[in-house]
């Protein structure tokens, strides 16, 4: 293992071969003569360092024990003082205790007028600031009876003045008129088709009734969109029904 030494002239730290212990060599950095310590000197220095460390450890142990003992004494002294003061306070409280029951304070009626005023003000505030929203809804027809229907089947000639819109379970629209059928996938296409169906008839025989047949699995918004499209197409009468399956 190489021996490290410091040149006293240039303060450079260099390494030397252990075989050169006790000899005088030239500094590799500045060339100044450097006297290397002998092995005995190195061993003596190591023993002194070890003894110094042992003395420091013993001193730290003694100081720790002394500090612990002083802390314990201070804690015990504080506890004894606290117990003595508590006993004196209890004795003083027992000597000066007054066992006369104090008289309850005279009851006073609470004035509820300010609270009533605040309640009415809050009520008026919420009535003024409340927002009302109008929601569109359609009545759902009652379930169809299993008995045979007693209604008379309308004559095809009576159906010349109506247009049927079928809303399937996928919310698509199928427009059925006496002259043509068409499938629409959006509300805009439905409006265009209904305008064409309403204005396509001969003067005096334009359809005025819109029949909307909604599948039971379609969404409510699709039916509302069909009603809105019928109003924009100037239909006067509307009929909405729910079906389980289209023919």
C-alpha atoms as a PDB file:
ATOM      1  CA  UNK A   1       0.000   0.000   0.000  1.00  0.00           C
ATOM      2  CA  UNK A   2       1.466   3.416  -0.981  1.00  0.00           C
ATOM      3  CA  UNK A   3       2.438   5.893   1.736  1.00  0.00           C
ATOM      4  CA  UNK A   4       0.923   9.382   1.433  1.00  0.00           C
ATOM      5  CA  UNK A   5       2.956  12.392   2.597  1.00  0.00           C
ATOM      6  CA  UNK A   6       2.778  16.193   2.332  1.00  0.00           C
ATOM      7  CA  UNK A   7       5.702  18.282   1.129  1.00  0.00           C
ATOM      8  CA  UNK A   8       6.511  21.007   3.737  1.00  0.00           C
ATOM      9  CA  UNK A   9       7.688  23.344   0.955  1.00  0.00           C
ATOM     10  CA  UNK A  10       4.882  23.238  -1.650  1.00  0.00           C
ATOM     11  CA  UNK A  11       2.172  21.579   0.561  1.00  0.00           C
ATOM     12  CA  UNK A  12       1.511  19.029  -2.192  1.00  0.00           C
ATOM     13  CA  UNK A  13       0.225  15.585  -1.117  1.00  0.00           C
ATOM     14  CA  UNK A  14       2.067  12.769  -2.857  1.00  0.00           C
ATOM     15  CA  UNK A  15       2.436   9.003  -2.543  1.00  0.00           C
ATOM     16  CA  UNK A  16       5.656   7.055  -1.933  1.00  0.00           C
ATOM     17  CA  UNK A  17       6.623   3.402  -1.778  1.00  0.00           C
ATOM     18  CA  UNK A  18       6.503   1.964   1.789  1.00  0.00           C
ATOM     19  CA  UNK A  19      10.071   0.711   1.274  1.00  0.00           C
ATOM     20  CA  UNK A  20      11.235   4.344   1.445  1.00  0.00           C
ATOM     21  CA  UNK A  21      10.068   4.780   5.090  1.00  0.00           C
ATOM     22  CA  UNK A  22      12.633   6.618   7.215  1.00  0.00           C
ATOM     23  CA  UNK A  23      14.500   7.973   4.211  1.00  0.00           C
ATOM     24  CA  UNK A  24      14.874  11.440   2.761  1.00  0.00           C
ATOM     25  CA  UNK A  25      13.488  11.823  -0.753  1.00  0.00           C
ATOM     26  CA  UNK A  26      12.954  14.683  -3.191  1.00  0.00           C
ATOM     27  CA  UNK A  27       9.413  16.040  -3.651  1.00  0.00           C
ATOM     28  CA  UNK A  28       8.095  15.022  -7.106  1.00  0.00           C
ATOM     29  CA  UNK A  29       6.370  18.425  -7.434  1.00  0.00           C
ATOM     30  CA  UNK A  30       9.003  20.960  -6.358  1.00  0.00           C
ATOM     31  CA  UNK A  31      12.135  18.862  -5.771  1.00  0.00           C
ATOM     32  CA  UNK A  32      12.508  19.956  -2.122  1.00  0.00           C
ATOM     33  CA  UNK A  33      13.937  17.342   0.289  1.00  0.00           C
ATOM     34  CA  UNK A  34      11.269  15.530   2.346  1.00  0.00           C
ATOM     35  CA  UNK A  35      12.045  13.317   5.362  1.00  0.00           C
ATOM     36  CA  UNK A  36       9.641  10.345   5.418  1.00  0.00           C
ATOM     37  CA  UNK A  37       8.628   8.983   8.855  1.00  0.00           C
ATOM     38  CA  UNK A  38       9.758   5.546   9.943  1.00  0.00           C
ATOM     39  CA  UNK A  39       7.405   2.622  10.620  1.00  0.00           C
ATOM     40  CA  UNK A  40       7.861   3.080  14.378  1.00  0.00           C
ATOM     41  CA  UNK A  41       6.834   6.715  14.155  1.00  0.00           C
ATOM     42  CA  UNK A  42       3.731   5.765  12.151  1.00  0.00           C
ATOM     43  CA  UNK A  43       2.752   3.085  14.704  1.00  0.00           C
ATOM     44  CA  UNK A  44       3.230   5.517  17.599  1.00  0.00           C
ATOM     45  CA  UNK A  45       1.035   8.126  15.902  1.00  0.00           C
ATOM     46  CA  UNK A  46      -1.721   5.557  15.317  1.00  0.00           C
ATOM     47  CA  UNK A  47      -1.602   4.504  18.994  1.00  0.00           C
ATOM     48  CA  UNK A  48      -1.897   8.127  20.081  1.00  0.00           C
ATOM     49  CA  UNK A  49      -4.925   8.638  17.822  1.00  0.00           C
ATOM     50  CA  UNK A  50      -6.602   5.511  19.165  1.00  0.00           C
ATOM     51  CA  UNK A  51      -5.982   6.603  22.769  1.00  0.00           C
ATOM     52  CA  UNK A  52      -7.373  10.039  22.007  1.00  0.00           C
ATOM     53  CA  UNK A  53     -10.546   8.543  20.526  1.00  0.00           C
ATOM     54  CA  UNK A  54     -10.978   6.272  23.568  1.00  0.00           C
ATOM     55  CA  UNK A  55     -10.644   9.233  25.937  1.00  0.00           C
ATOM     56  CA  UNK A  56     -13.226  11.217  23.943  1.00  0.00           C
ATOM     57  CA  UNK A  57     -15.678   8.296  24.064  1.00  0.00           C
ATOM     58  CA  UNK A  58     -15.234   7.889  27.834  1.00  0.00           C
ATOM     59  CA  UNK A  59     -15.731  11.624  28.366  1.00  0.00           C
ATOM     60  CA  UNK A  60     -18.941  11.563  26.277  1.00  0.00           C
ATOM     61  CA  UNK A  61     -20.294   8.624  28.312  1.00  0.00           C
ATOM     62  CA  UNK A  62     -19.619  10.395  31.618  1.00  0.00           C
ATOM     63  CA  UNK A  63     -21.253  13.604  30.384  1.00  0.00           C
ATOM     64  CA  UNK A  64     -24.323  11.680  29.193  1.00  0.00           C
ATOM     65  CA  UNK A  65     -24.739   9.924  32.537  1.00  0.00           C
ATOM     66  CA  UNK A  66     -24.325  13.204  34.421  1.00  0.00           C
ATOM     67  CA  UNK A  67     -26.895  14.947  32.205  1.00  0.00           C
ATOM     68  CA  UNK A  68     -29.411  12.105  32.633  1.00  0.00           C
ATOM     69  CA  UNK A  69     -29.053  12.153  36.411  1.00  0.00           C
ATOM     70  CA  UNK A  70     -29.533  15.930  36.565  1.00  0.00           C
ATOM     71  CA  UNK A  71     -32.615  15.749  34.339  1.00  0.00           C
ATOM     72  CA  UNK A  72     -34.148  13.040  36.538  1.00  0.00           C
ATOM     73  CA  UNK A  73     -33.499  15.127  39.651  1.00  0.00           C
ATOM     74  CA  UNK A  74     -35.100  18.198  38.050  1.00  0.00           C
ATOM     75  CA  UNK A  75     -38.173  16.200  36.978  1.00  0.00           C
ATOM     76  CA  UNK A  76     -38.593  14.692  40.449  1.00  0.00           C
ATOM     77  CA  UNK A  77     -38.196  18.113  42.040  1.00  0.00           C
ATOM     78  CA  UNK A  78     -40.786  19.635  39.680  1.00  0.00           C
ATOM     79  CA  UNK A  79     -43.250  16.805  40.377  1.00  0.00           C
ATOM     80  CA  UNK A  80     -42.876  17.189  44.132  1.00  0.00           C
ATOM     81  CA  UNK A  81     -43.438  20.949  43.870  1.00  0.00           C
ATOM     82  CA  UNK A  82     -46.500  20.402  41.672  1.00  0.00           C
ATOM     83  CA  UNK A  83     -47.991  17.856  44.108  1.00  0.00           C
ATOM     84  CA  UNK A  84     -47.405  20.196  47.032  1.00  0.00           C
ATOM     85  CA  UNK A  85     -49.016  23.135  45.223  1.00  0.00           C
ATOM     86  CA  UNK A  86     -51.998  20.992  44.198  1.00  0.00           C
ATOM     87  CA  UNK A  87     -52.531  19.894  47.808  1.00  0.00           C
ATOM     88  CA  UNK A  88     -52.380  23.495  48.984  1.00  0.00           C
ATOM     89  CA  UNK A  89     -54.871  24.589  46.310  1.00  0.00           C
ATOM     90  CA  UNK A  90     -57.308  21.804  47.265  1.00  0.00           C
ATOM     91  CA  UNK A  91     -57.067  22.759  50.924  1.00  0.00           C
ATOM     92  CA  UNK A  92     -57.628  26.437  50.110  1.00  0.00           C
ATOM     93  CA  UNK A  93     -60.627  25.597  47.905  1.00  0.00           C
ATOM     94  CA  UNK A  94     -62.145  23.427  50.648  1.00  0.00           C
ATOM     95  CA  UNK A  95     -61.805  26.223  53.200  1.00  0.00           C
ATOM     96  CA  UNK A  96     -63.331  28.884  50.931  1.00  0.00           C
ATOM     97  CA  UNK A  97     -66.088  26.770  49.298  1.00  0.00           C
ATOM     98  CA  UNK A  98     -69.517  28.340  49.267  1.00  0.00           C
ATOM     99  CA  UNK A  99     -72.327  25.787  49.369  1.00  0.00           C
ATOM    100  CA  UNK A 100     -75.118  28.330  48.853  1.00  0.00           C
ATOM    101  CA  UNK A 101     -76.959  27.641  45.613  1.00  0.00           C
ATOM    102  CA  UNK A 102     -76.890  30.732  43.391  1.00  0.00           C
ATOM    103  CA  UNK A 103     -80.174  32.165  42.289  1.00  0.00           C
ATOM    104  CA  UNK A 104     -81.051  31.497  38.659  1.00  0.00           C
ATOM    105  CA  UNK A 105     -81.115  34.583  36.452  1.00  0.00           C
ATOM    106  CA  UNK A 106     -84.497  36.059  35.749  1.00  0.00           C
ATOM    107  CA  UNK A 107     -85.914  34.778  32.479  1.00  0.00           C
ATOM    108  CA  UNK A 108     -86.371  37.252  29.656  1.00  0.00           C
ATOM    109  CA  UNK A 109     -88.669  36.851  26.653  1.00  0.00           C
ATOM    110  CA  UNK A 110     -86.868  36.698  23.311  1.00  0.00           C
ATOM    111  CA  UNK A 111     -87.962  39.237  20.739  1.00  0.00           C
ATOM    112  CA  UNK A 112     -88.817  37.270  17.574  1.00  0.00           C
ATOM    113  CA  UNK A 113     -89.568  40.312  15.425  1.00  0.00           C
ATOM    114  CA  UNK A 114     -86.106  40.581  13.794  1.00  0.00           C
ATOM    115  CA  UNK A 115     -86.090  36.866  13.010  1.00  0.00           C
ATOM    116  CA  UNK A 116     -89.524  37.080  11.344  1.00  0.00           C
ATOM    117  CA  UNK A 117     -88.380  40.077   9.290  1.00  0.00           C
ATOM    118  CA  UNK A 118     -85.284  38.239   8.093  1.00  0.00           C
ATOM    119  CA  UNK A 119     -87.369  35.183   7.174  1.00  0.00           C
ATOM    120  CA  UNK A 120     -89.757  37.228   5.042  1.00  0.00           C
ATOM    121  CA  UNK A 121     -86.868  39.036   3.344  1.00  0.00           C
ATOM    122  CA  UNK A 122     -85.226  35.721   2.456  1.00  0.00           C
ATOM    123  CA  UNK A 123     -88.537  34.388   1.152  1.00  0.00           C
ATOM    124  CA  UNK A 124     -89.014  37.423  -1.092  1.00  0.00           C
ATOM    125  CA  UNK A 125     -85.399  37.198  -2.298  1.00  0.00           C
ATOM    126  CA  UNK A 126     -85.699  33.540  -3.304  1.00  0.00           C
ATOM    127  CA  UNK A 127     -89.060  34.140  -4.998  1.00  0.00           C
ATOM    128  CA  UNK A 128     -87.557  36.913  -7.125  1.00  0.00           C
ATOM    129  CA  UNK A 129     -84.304  35.172  -8.016  1.00  0.00           C
ATOM    130  CA  UNK A 130     -85.756  31.703  -8.625  1.00  0.00           C
ATOM    131  CA  UNK A 131     -85.564  30.571 -12.245  1.00  0.00           C
ATOM    132  CA  UNK A 132     -88.347  28.529 -13.772  1.00  0.00           C
ATOM    133  CA  UNK A 133     -87.736  26.121 -16.641  1.00  0.00           C
ATOM    134  CA  UNK A 134     -90.426  24.770 -18.939  1.00  0.00           C
ATOM    135  CA  UNK A 135     -89.951  21.150 -19.918  1.00  0.00           C
ATOM    136  CA  UNK A 136     -91.677  19.492 -22.779  1.00  0.00           C
ATOM    137  CA  UNK A 137     -93.454  16.225 -22.063  1.00  0.00           C
ATOM    138  CA  UNK A 138     -95.765  13.882 -23.858  1.00  0.00           C
ATOM    139  CA  UNK A 139     -98.403  11.641 -22.276  1.00  0.00           C
ATOM    140  CA  UNK A 140     -97.676   7.958 -22.561  1.00  0.00           C
ATOM    141  CA  UNK A 141    -100.726   6.024 -23.710  1.00  0.00           C
ATOM    142  CA  UNK A 142    -102.005   3.247 -21.464  1.00  0.00           C
ATOM    143  CA  UNK A 143    -101.053  -0.366 -22.274  1.00  0.00           C
ATOM    144  CA  UNK A 144    -103.110  -1.895 -25.002  1.00  0.00           C
ATOM    145  CA  UNK A 145    -105.623  -4.480 -23.916  1.00  0.00           C
ATOM    146  CA  UNK A 146    -105.279  -8.050 -25.146  1.00  0.00           C
ATOM    147  CA  UNK A 147    -108.942  -8.114 -26.174  1.00  0.00           C
ATOM    148  CA  UNK A 148    -109.785  -7.530 -29.831  1.00  0.00           C
ATOM    149  CA  UNK A 149    -110.186  -3.873 -30.680  1.00  0.00           C
ATOM    150  CA  UNK A 150    -113.686  -2.588 -31.313  1.00  0.00           C
ATOM    151  CA  UNK A 151    -112.533   0.463 -33.241  1.00  0.00           C
ATOM    152  CA  UNK A 152    -113.430   0.733 -36.875  1.00  0.00           C
ATOM    153  CA  UNK A 153    -110.469   0.580 -39.252  1.00  0.00           C
ATOM    154  CA  UNK A 154    -110.282   3.928 -41.044  1.00  0.00           C
ATOM    155  CA  UNK A 155    -110.758   4.001 -44.743  1.00  0.00           C
ATOM    156  CA  UNK A 156    -107.533   4.609 -46.749  1.00  0.00           C
ATOM    157  CA  UNK A 157    -109.179   7.641 -48.282  1.00  0.00           C
ATOM    158  CA  UNK A 158    -109.463   9.158 -44.766  1.00  0.00           C
ATOM    159  CA  UNK A 159    -105.689   8.833 -44.340  1.00  0.00           C
ATOM    160  CA  UNK A 160    -104.867  11.145 -47.232  1.00  0.00           C
ATOM    161  CA  UNK A 161    -104.663  14.126 -44.866  1.00  0.00           C
ATOM    162  CA  UNK A 162    -102.114  12.670 -42.428  1.00  0.00           C
ATOM    163  CA  UNK A 163     -98.390  11.920 -42.370  1.00  0.00           C
ATOM    164  CA  UNK A 164     -96.891   9.210 -40.146  1.00  0.00           C
ATOM    165  CA  UNK A 165     -93.458   9.454 -38.503  1.00  0.00           C
ATOM    166  CA  UNK A 166     -92.096   6.240 -36.983  1.00  0.00           C
ATOM    167  CA  UNK A 167     -89.292   6.590 -34.391  1.00  0.00           C
ATOM    168  CA  UNK A 168     -87.499   3.239 -34.138  1.00  0.00           C
ATOM    169  CA  UNK A 169     -85.430   1.878 -31.257  1.00  0.00           C
ATOM    170  CA  UNK A 170     -82.285   3.432 -32.794  1.00  0.00           C
ATOM    171  CA  UNK A 171     -83.902   6.932 -32.770  1.00  0.00           C
ATOM    172  CA  UNK A 172     -84.092   7.055 -36.560  1.00  0.00           C
ATOM    173  CA  UNK A 173     -87.148   8.478 -38.343  1.00  0.00           C
ATOM    174  CA  UNK A 174     -89.250   6.819 -41.041  1.00  0.00           C
ATOM    175  CA  UNK A 175     -91.686   9.221 -42.775  1.00  0.00           C
ATOM    176  CA  UNK A 176     -94.714   7.576 -44.378  1.00  0.00           C
ATOM    177  CA  UNK A 177     -96.976   9.591 -46.690  1.00  0.00           C
ATOM    178  CA  UNK A 178     -99.670   8.447 -49.119  1.00  0.00           C
ATOM    179  CA  UNK A 179     -97.195   8.977 -51.976  1.00  0.00           C
ATOM    180  CA  UNK A 180     -93.734   8.032 -50.655  1.00  0.00           C
ATOM    181  CA  UNK A 181     -91.692   6.698 -47.711  1.00  0.00           C
ATOM    182  CA  UNK A 182     -88.348   8.059 -46.542  1.00  0.00           C
ATOM    183  CA  UNK A 183     -85.859   7.321 -43.720  1.00  0.00           C
ATOM    184  CA  UNK A 184     -84.162  10.283 -41.986  1.00  0.00           C
ATOM    185  CA  UNK A 185     -81.295  10.065 -39.554  1.00  0.00           C
ATOM    186  CA  UNK A 186     -81.291  13.613 -38.151  1.00  0.00           C
ATOM    187  CA  UNK A 187     -83.718  16.320 -37.098  1.00  0.00           C
ATOM    188  CA  UNK A 188     -82.749  18.599 -40.015  1.00  0.00           C
ATOM    189  CA  UNK A 189     -83.493  15.862 -42.555  1.00  0.00           C
ATOM    190  CA  UNK A 190     -86.793  15.234 -40.771  1.00  0.00           C
ATOM    191  CA  UNK A 191     -87.778  18.919 -41.022  1.00  0.00           C
ATOM    192  CA  UNK A 192     -86.995  18.973 -44.755  1.00  0.00           C
ATOM    193  CA  UNK A 193     -88.995  15.785 -45.364  1.00  0.00           C
ATOM    194  CA  UNK A 194     -92.017  16.991 -43.361  1.00  0.00           C
ATOM    195  CA  UNK A 195     -92.025  20.324 -45.205  1.00  0.00           C
ATOM    196  CA  UNK A 196     -92.002  18.413 -48.466  1.00  0.00           C
ATOM    197  CA  UNK A 197     -94.821  16.122 -47.261  1.00  0.00           C
ATOM    198  CA  UNK A 198     -96.940  19.043 -46.070  1.00  0.00           C
ATOM    199  CA  UNK A 199     -96.524  21.116 -49.222  1.00  0.00           C
ATOM    200  CA  UNK A 200     -96.517  18.220 -51.679  1.00  0.00           C
ATOM    201  CA  UNK A 201    -100.266  17.630 -51.731  1.00  0.00           C
ATOM    202  CA  UNK A 202    -102.727  19.263 -54.076  1.00  0.00           C
ATOM    203  CA  UNK A 203    -104.240  22.608 -52.989  1.00  0.00           C
ATOM    204  CA  UNK A 204    -107.047  21.996 -50.541  1.00  0.00           C
ATOM    205  CA  UNK A 205    -105.894  18.430 -49.730  1.00  0.00           C
ATOM    206  CA  UNK A 206    -102.612  19.094 -47.914  1.00  0.00           C
ATOM    207  CA  UNK A 207    -102.046  16.815 -44.894  1.00  0.00           C
ATOM    208  CA  UNK A 208    -102.741  18.603 -41.630  1.00  0.00           C
ATOM    209  CA  UNK A 209    -102.279  15.783 -39.112  1.00  0.00           C
ATOM    210  CA  UNK A 210     -98.961  14.303 -38.011  1.00  0.00           C
ATOM    211  CA  UNK A 211     -99.028  10.855 -36.378  1.00  0.00           C
ATOM    212  CA  UNK A 212     -95.894   9.982 -34.397  1.00  0.00           C
ATOM    213  CA  UNK A 213     -95.403   6.304 -33.558  1.00  0.00           C
ATOM    214  CA  UNK A 214     -92.575   5.946 -31.021  1.00  0.00           C
ATOM    215  CA  UNK A 215     -90.872   2.645 -30.301  1.00  0.00           C
ATOM    216  CA  UNK A 216     -90.866   1.805 -26.597  1.00  0.00           C
ATOM    217  CA  UNK A 217     -87.032   1.715 -26.583  1.00  0.00           C
ATOM    218  CA  UNK A 218     -86.464   5.119 -28.213  1.00  0.00           C
ATOM    219  CA  UNK A 219     -85.394   8.146 -26.184  1.00  0.00           C
ATOM    220  CA  UNK A 220     -87.766  10.909 -25.146  1.00  0.00           C
ATOM    221  CA  UNK A 221     -85.690  13.545 -26.951  1.00  0.00           C
ATOM    222  CA  UNK A 222     -86.258  11.872 -30.326  1.00  0.00           C
ATOM    223  CA  UNK A 223     -90.046  12.166 -29.919  1.00  0.00           C
ATOM    224  CA  UNK A 224     -89.743  15.820 -28.860  1.00  0.00           C
ATOM    225  CA  UNK A 225     -87.587  16.484 -31.935  1.00  0.00           C
ATOM    226  CA  UNK A 226     -90.305  14.955 -34.149  1.00  0.00           C
ATOM    227  CA  UNK A 227     -92.948  17.199 -32.551  1.00  0.00           C
ATOM    228  CA  UNK A 228     -90.777  20.278 -33.067  1.00  0.00           C
ATOM    229  CA  UNK A 229     -90.183  19.334 -36.698  1.00  0.00           C
ATOM    230  CA  UNK A 230     -93.951  18.925 -37.216  1.00  0.00           C
ATOM    231  CA  UNK A 231     -94.625  22.380 -35.801  1.00  0.00           C
ATOM    232  CA  UNK A 232     -92.003  23.904 -38.082  1.00  0.00           C
ATOM    233  CA  UNK A 233     -93.641  22.130 -41.029  1.00  0.00           C
ATOM    234  CA  UNK A 234     -96.992  23.850 -40.167  1.00  0.00           C
ATOM    235  CA  UNK A 235     -98.894  20.698 -39.142  1.00  0.00           C
ATOM    236  CA  UNK A 236    -102.028  21.551 -37.170  1.00  0.00           C
ATOM    237  CA  UNK A 237    -102.871  18.281 -35.378  1.00  0.00           C
ATOM    238  CA  UNK A 238    -100.603  15.791 -33.642  1.00  0.00           C
ATOM    239  CA  UNK A 239    -101.064  12.264 -32.368  1.00  0.00           C
ATOM    240  CA  UNK A 240     -98.415  10.365 -30.388  1.00  0.00           C
ATOM    241  CA  UNK A 241     -98.542   6.650 -29.625  1.00  0.00           C
ATOM    242  CA  UNK A 242     -96.138   3.997 -28.378  1.00  0.00           C
ATOM    243  CA  UNK A 243     -95.623   0.680 -30.154  1.00  0.00           C
ATOM    244  CA  UNK A 244     -93.674  -2.405 -29.205  1.00  0.00           C
ATOM    245  CA  UNK A 245     -92.644  -3.311 -32.746  1.00  0.00           C
ATOM    246  CA  UNK A 246     -93.189  -1.888 -36.198  1.00  0.00           C
ATOM    247  CA  UNK A 247     -94.666  -4.009 -38.977  1.00  0.00           C
END
